[in-house]
Protein backbone atom coordinates (compact mmCIF):
# COMPACT_ATOMS: atom_id res chain seq x y z
CA MET A 1 -0.24 0.07 0.28
CA ALA A 2 1.61 3.12 -0.73
CA LEU A 3 1.10 6.41 1.43
CA ALA A 4 -1.24 9.15 -0.20
CA TYR A 5 0.68 12.02 -1.25
CA SER A 6 4.94 10.82 -1.28
CA LYS A 7 5.51 13.07 -3.97
CA LYS A 8 4.19 16.75 -2.62
CA PRO A 9 6.48 19.23 -2.64
CA THR A 10 5.89 21.04 0.94
CA THR A 11 7.26 17.82 1.98
CA THR A 12 10.16 15.87 2.14
CA THR A 13 10.46 12.08 2.70
CA THR A 14 12.97 11.42 5.49
CA GLY A 15 13.30 7.40 5.98
CA ILE A 16 11.18 4.05 5.68
CA MET A 17 11.43 1.41 8.34
CA PRO A 18 10.29 -1.81 6.50
CA SER A 19 7.46 -4.26 9.37
CA PRO A 20 8.11 -7.82 8.56
CA PRO A 21 6.13 -8.13 6.11
CA GLN A 22 4.97 -11.48 8.44
CA LEU A 23 3.15 -9.34 10.80
CA LEU A 24 -0.21 -8.64 10.97
CA LEU A 25 -0.13 -4.79 12.55
CA THR A 26 -3.36 -3.30 14.56
CA GLN A 27 -4.58 0.38 14.24
CA ASP A 28 -2.63 0.29 17.85
CA ASP A 29 0.27 -0.77 17.16
CA LEU A 30 0.56 1.47 14.93
CA LYS A 31 0.12 3.64 16.21
CA LYS A 32 2.74 2.93 18.72
CA ILE A 33 4.83 2.78 16.08
CA ALA A 34 4.46 6.36 15.21
CA ALA A 35 4.74 7.55 18.68
CA TYR A 36 7.81 5.89 19.36
CA LYS A 37 9.71 7.48 16.74
CA ALA A 38 8.63 11.09 17.47
CA VAL A 39 9.71 10.31 20.68
CA GLU A 40 13.78 9.73 19.33
CA PHE A 41 13.13 13.45 18.54
CA VAL A 42 13.01 14.28 21.75
CA GLU A 43 16.41 14.98 23.61
CA SER A 44 17.14 16.09 27.24
CA GLY A 45 17.08 19.54 28.18
CA MET A 46 13.63 20.11 26.63
CA VAL A 47 10.18 21.82 27.16
CA LEU A 48 7.81 19.82 25.52
CA GLY A 49 4.29 19.98 24.86
CA LEU A 50 2.30 17.05 25.12
CA GLY A 51 -0.88 15.83 23.39
CA THR A 52 -3.87 14.75 23.64
CA GLY A 53 -5.25 11.43 22.59
CA SER A 54 -4.84 7.19 22.50
CA THR A 55 -1.63 7.97 19.95
CA ALA A 56 -0.11 10.76 22.10
CA LYS A 57 -0.27 8.87 25.31
CA HIS A 58 1.80 6.25 23.72
CA ALA A 59 4.28 9.02 23.21
CA ILE A 60 4.02 10.26 26.92
CA ASP A 61 3.88 6.33 27.83
CA ARG A 62 7.42 5.99 26.43
CA ILE A 63 8.66 9.14 27.39
CA GLY A 64 8.01 8.06 31.24
CA GLU A 65 9.85 5.18 30.69
CA LEU A 66 12.93 6.72 29.39
CA LEU A 67 12.72 9.30 32.03
CA GLN A 68 13.01 6.26 34.46
CA GLN A 69 15.77 4.68 32.34
CA GLY A 70 17.80 8.18 32.88
CA LYS A 71 18.39 8.05 29.05
CA LEU A 72 16.01 11.53 29.03
CA THR A 73 16.45 14.27 32.21
CA ASN A 74 15.33 17.38 32.81
CA ILE A 75 12.51 17.13 30.69
CA ILE A 76 9.59 19.23 31.47
CA GLY A 77 6.14 18.35 30.16
CA ILE A 78 3.31 21.87 28.93
CA PRO A 79 -0.16 19.03 28.49
CA THR A 80 -2.91 19.97 26.48
CA SER A 81 -5.18 18.58 28.57
CA LYS A 82 -6.45 17.82 32.26
CA LYS A 83 -6.28 13.79 31.05
CA THR A 84 -2.45 14.67 30.06
CA HIS A 85 -1.93 16.43 32.88
CA GLU A 86 -3.11 12.80 34.85
CA GLN A 87 -1.35 10.54 32.68
CA ALA A 88 2.12 12.16 32.82
CA LEU A 89 2.11 13.10 36.62
CA SER A 90 1.67 9.26 36.99
CA LEU A 91 4.84 8.96 34.99
CA GLY A 92 6.94 11.37 36.90
CA ILE A 93 6.76 13.71 34.06
CA PRO A 94 7.64 17.13 35.64
CA LEU A 95 5.41 19.84 34.42
CA SER A 96 4.86 23.22 33.68
CA ASP A 97 3.19 25.86 31.58
CA LEU A 98 2.85 29.09 29.17
CA GLU A 99 3.15 31.98 31.21
CA THR A 100 7.02 30.22 33.23
CA HIS A 101 7.68 28.73 29.81
CA PRO A 102 5.93 30.88 26.34
CA VAL A 103 8.44 29.38 24.35
CA LEU A 104 8.71 25.39 23.70
CA ASP A 105 11.64 22.99 21.44
CA LEU A 106 9.11 20.14 20.43
CA ALA A 107 5.28 19.47 21.13
CA ILE A 108 4.41 15.36 19.41
CA ASP A 109 0.81 14.81 18.84
CA GLY A 110 -1.69 12.91 17.02
CA ALA A 111 -4.17 14.32 14.26
CA ASP A 112 -7.70 13.34 13.20
CA GLU A 113 -6.95 13.65 9.40
CA VAL A 114 -3.96 15.11 7.06
CA ASP A 115 -4.16 16.58 4.12
CA PRO A 116 -1.79 16.57 1.86
CA HIS A 117 -0.05 20.02 2.61
CA MET A 118 0.16 18.54 6.17
CA ASN A 119 -2.92 20.53 7.49
CA LEU A 120 -4.48 18.72 10.47
CA VAL A 121 -8.10 18.41 11.63
CA LYS A 122 -7.85 17.76 15.48
CA GLY A 123 -9.80 17.99 18.24
CA ARG A 124 -12.16 14.68 18.28
CA GLY A 125 -10.84 13.79 21.53
CA GLY A 126 -11.82 17.12 22.91
CA SER A 127 -8.92 19.01 23.69
CA LEU A 128 -8.84 20.95 20.15
CA LEU A 129 -8.16 24.61 22.44
CA ARG A 130 -4.63 23.78 25.03
CA GLU A 131 -3.77 22.04 21.94
CA LYS A 132 -4.13 24.88 19.58
CA MET A 133 -2.85 27.11 21.94
CA ILE A 134 0.20 24.77 23.07
CA GLU A 135 1.45 23.79 19.67
CA GLY A 136 1.38 27.43 18.37
CA CYS A 137 4.14 27.87 20.54
CA CYS A 138 6.37 25.29 19.37
CA LYS A 139 9.30 25.53 17.24
CA LYS A 140 8.80 22.13 16.45
CA PHE A 141 5.50 19.73 16.46
CA ILE A 142 5.60 16.64 15.09
CA VAL A 143 2.39 14.92 14.47
CA ILE A 144 1.54 11.21 14.91
CA VAL A 145 -0.87 8.84 13.02
CA ASP A 146 -1.83 5.64 10.83
CA ALA A 147 -2.12 5.88 7.59
CA THR A 148 -5.88 6.02 8.25
CA LYS A 149 -5.82 9.36 9.09
CA LEU A 150 -4.55 10.44 5.51
CA VAL A 151 -7.15 12.40 3.96
CA ASP A 152 -7.48 14.14 0.34
CA TYR A 153 -8.52 17.20 1.59
CA ILE A 154 -10.14 18.64 4.87
CA GLY A 155 -13.10 17.06 6.06
CA GLY A 156 -12.74 14.02 3.37
CA SER A 157 -12.71 11.47 5.84
CA GLY A 158 -16.90 12.03 6.72
CA LEU A 159 -15.96 12.67 10.13
CA ALA A 160 -16.24 16.04 12.57
CA LEU A 161 -14.27 19.46 12.37
CA PRO A 162 -15.01 20.01 15.97
CA VAL A 163 -15.74 23.44 16.65
CA GLU A 164 -15.51 24.35 20.54
CA ILE A 165 -18.62 27.24 20.86
CA VAL A 166 -19.45 28.96 24.09
CA PRO A 167 -22.74 27.05 25.58
CA PHE A 168 -25.18 30.75 25.44
CA CYS A 169 -26.96 30.18 22.69
CA TRP A 170 -25.06 27.51 21.41
CA ARG A 171 -28.22 26.56 18.72
CA PHE A 172 -27.84 29.47 16.96
CA THR A 173 -24.42 29.13 17.41
CA ALA A 174 -24.80 26.22 15.56
CA GLU A 175 -26.40 27.30 12.95
CA LYS A 176 -24.07 29.86 12.17
CA LEU A 177 -22.08 27.97 11.53
CA ARG A 178 -23.99 25.18 9.18
CA SER A 179 -24.74 28.17 7.49
CA LEU A 180 -21.47 29.01 6.70
CA PHE A 181 -21.03 26.03 5.49
CA LYS A 182 -24.10 25.11 3.00
CA HIS A 183 -22.09 25.08 -0.28
CA ALA A 184 -20.13 21.88 1.60
CA GLY A 185 -24.27 20.62 2.57
CA CYS A 186 -22.39 20.88 6.51
CA VAL A 187 -24.06 19.27 8.87
CA ALA A 188 -23.59 20.12 12.51
CA LYS A 189 -24.38 18.81 15.47
CA LEU A 190 -23.96 18.74 19.15
CA ARG A 191 -21.53 16.65 20.93
CA VAL A 192 -23.02 14.53 23.65
CA VAL A 193 -22.23 11.94 26.44
CA GLY A 194 -24.32 9.09 28.24
CA GLU A 195 -27.67 8.03 28.04
CA ASN A 196 -29.47 11.38 28.35
CA GLY A 197 -27.47 12.90 25.68
CA GLU A 198 -25.82 15.51 27.71
CA PRO A 199 -23.27 18.05 25.85
CA TYR A 200 -19.46 17.14 26.51
CA VAL A 201 -18.21 20.39 28.42
CA THR A 202 -14.24 20.69 27.35
CA ASP A 203 -11.45 21.37 29.81
CA ASN A 204 -12.63 24.79 29.43
CA GLY A 205 -16.32 24.63 29.83
CA ASN A 206 -17.30 24.89 26.42
CA TYR A 207 -19.41 23.00 23.88
CA VAL A 208 -18.55 21.45 21.22
CA VAL A 209 -19.83 21.21 17.67
CA ASP A 210 -18.93 18.80 15.25
CA LEU A 211 -19.62 19.79 11.04
CA TYR A 212 -19.67 17.35 9.13
CA PHE A 213 -19.45 18.27 5.18
CA GLU A 214 -20.00 16.37 2.03
CA LYS A 215 -17.88 18.18 -0.26
CA ASP A 216 -14.83 20.09 -0.10
CA ILE A 217 -14.50 23.60 2.10
CA GLY A 218 -12.40 25.45 -0.43
CA ASP A 219 -10.23 27.88 1.19
CA LEU A 220 -8.99 26.72 4.76
CA VAL A 221 -7.64 29.91 6.08
CA ALA A 222 -10.81 31.75 5.12
CA ALA A 223 -12.18 29.16 5.87
CA GLY A 224 -11.16 29.41 9.36
CA ASP A 225 -10.78 33.10 9.69
CA ALA A 226 -14.83 32.82 8.67
CA MET A 227 -15.69 31.21 11.64
CA LEU A 228 -13.59 32.75 14.74
CA ARG A 229 -16.12 35.77 13.35
CA LEU A 230 -19.09 34.56 14.95
CA ALA A 231 -19.66 35.84 18.07
CA GLY A 232 -19.76 32.44 20.31
CA VAL A 233 -17.07 30.50 18.55
CA VAL A 234 -14.55 29.87 20.40
CA GLU A 235 -11.42 28.42 18.49
CA HIS A 236 -12.14 25.11 15.16
CA GLY A 237 -10.34 22.06 14.97
CA MET A 238 -8.06 23.06 11.60
CA PHE A 239 -4.84 22.89 12.45
CA ILE A 240 -3.39 25.18 9.30
CA ASP A 241 0.10 25.00 8.48
CA MET A 242 1.47 23.73 11.37
CA ALA A 243 2.78 21.07 11.96
CA THR A 244 6.88 20.85 10.96
CA THR A 245 7.05 17.07 11.23
CA LEU A 246 4.69 14.39 9.89
CA ILE A 247 4.84 10.48 11.17
CA VAL A 248 2.74 8.16 9.45
CA ALA A 249 2.98 4.33 10.74
CA GLY A 250 1.67 2.01 7.28
CA GLU A 251 1.28 -1.28 6.61
CA LEU A 252 4.99 -0.38 4.83
CA GLY A 253 6.93 0.85 7.62
CA VAL A 254 7.17 4.33 9.36
CA THR A 255 7.28 6.74 7.40
CA VAL A 256 8.25 10.59 8.31
CA LYS A 257 8.30 14.05 6.38
CA ASN A 258 9.27 17.25 6.85
CA LYS A 259 7.89 20.44 5.44
CA CYS A 260 10.29 21.89 3.28
C-alpha cells in the first residue's frame, strides 16, 4: 500500500523503516510505532508539548519510560488536557505551563485527519483549544498518525471537524456554522455524552459542535477566519500550516516527512 501524497513538494521523506511482512499489525500497533519514532526527536533538557489522544498517549508513556531509565533528563512537559496532565504526573514527568515557558522546543500529538499539505483536523477528543495554544508555541511540532488518518482534503474522512463554542445560545451558533458551509452540504451536531445525551463539556467549560461535510470546503484559511468571526465560536479544529514533521505508520512501515 503506497502512502498518500509522498511526492508533494511541501514535504520530504527522510526515512522508511519497513515492518516485517509476516506481522499483522493492529491500528493501535501502528499508533505506537509512530509515537515511539517521534520520541526519538526528544532530547534531554527540552520543554515539550504533550498531546492528547490514543496516539499521543503512547508517546507520553515512552517519554516517562525513558525518564525512569535515565536516558532522558531535565524534561519539562506542558500538557494539552487534564487527562494528559494526569497521565504525565503518574509517569513522573515534571510539568509546567505557558506562562513559565512561552516557547516550547517540541510538541508531539496525533491528528484526526492530515491532508496532502500537512494541514490537520484535531479535536475529536475535545482538547482542540489547549492543543492549538500549546502547539502554536513550539519550535517543532511533530504529528503522529497511522495511515488511516490521511485524507485528500480536510473533512474528506466524512467524520467531524470540531468547533469549540460557548454554551450560551449554542443552537444559534451551531446554525450559523452550518449556514457558513451550506455550499459543502454541512451538517452541524452538538456533541453529547451519556445515556441522557448531555452536552459534552471541554476542559474549558465549553461545548463542541461537530461539523460534517459532503464536499471540500475550499480555502482553509478563509474558512477558519470566517468561523472565528462568529460570536460564540471559541476555536476550530483545523490546524493550518502548523505541523513541521509528520510521522505516518502504515503497512509498509514508518514514513517521516518534513516541511520544506
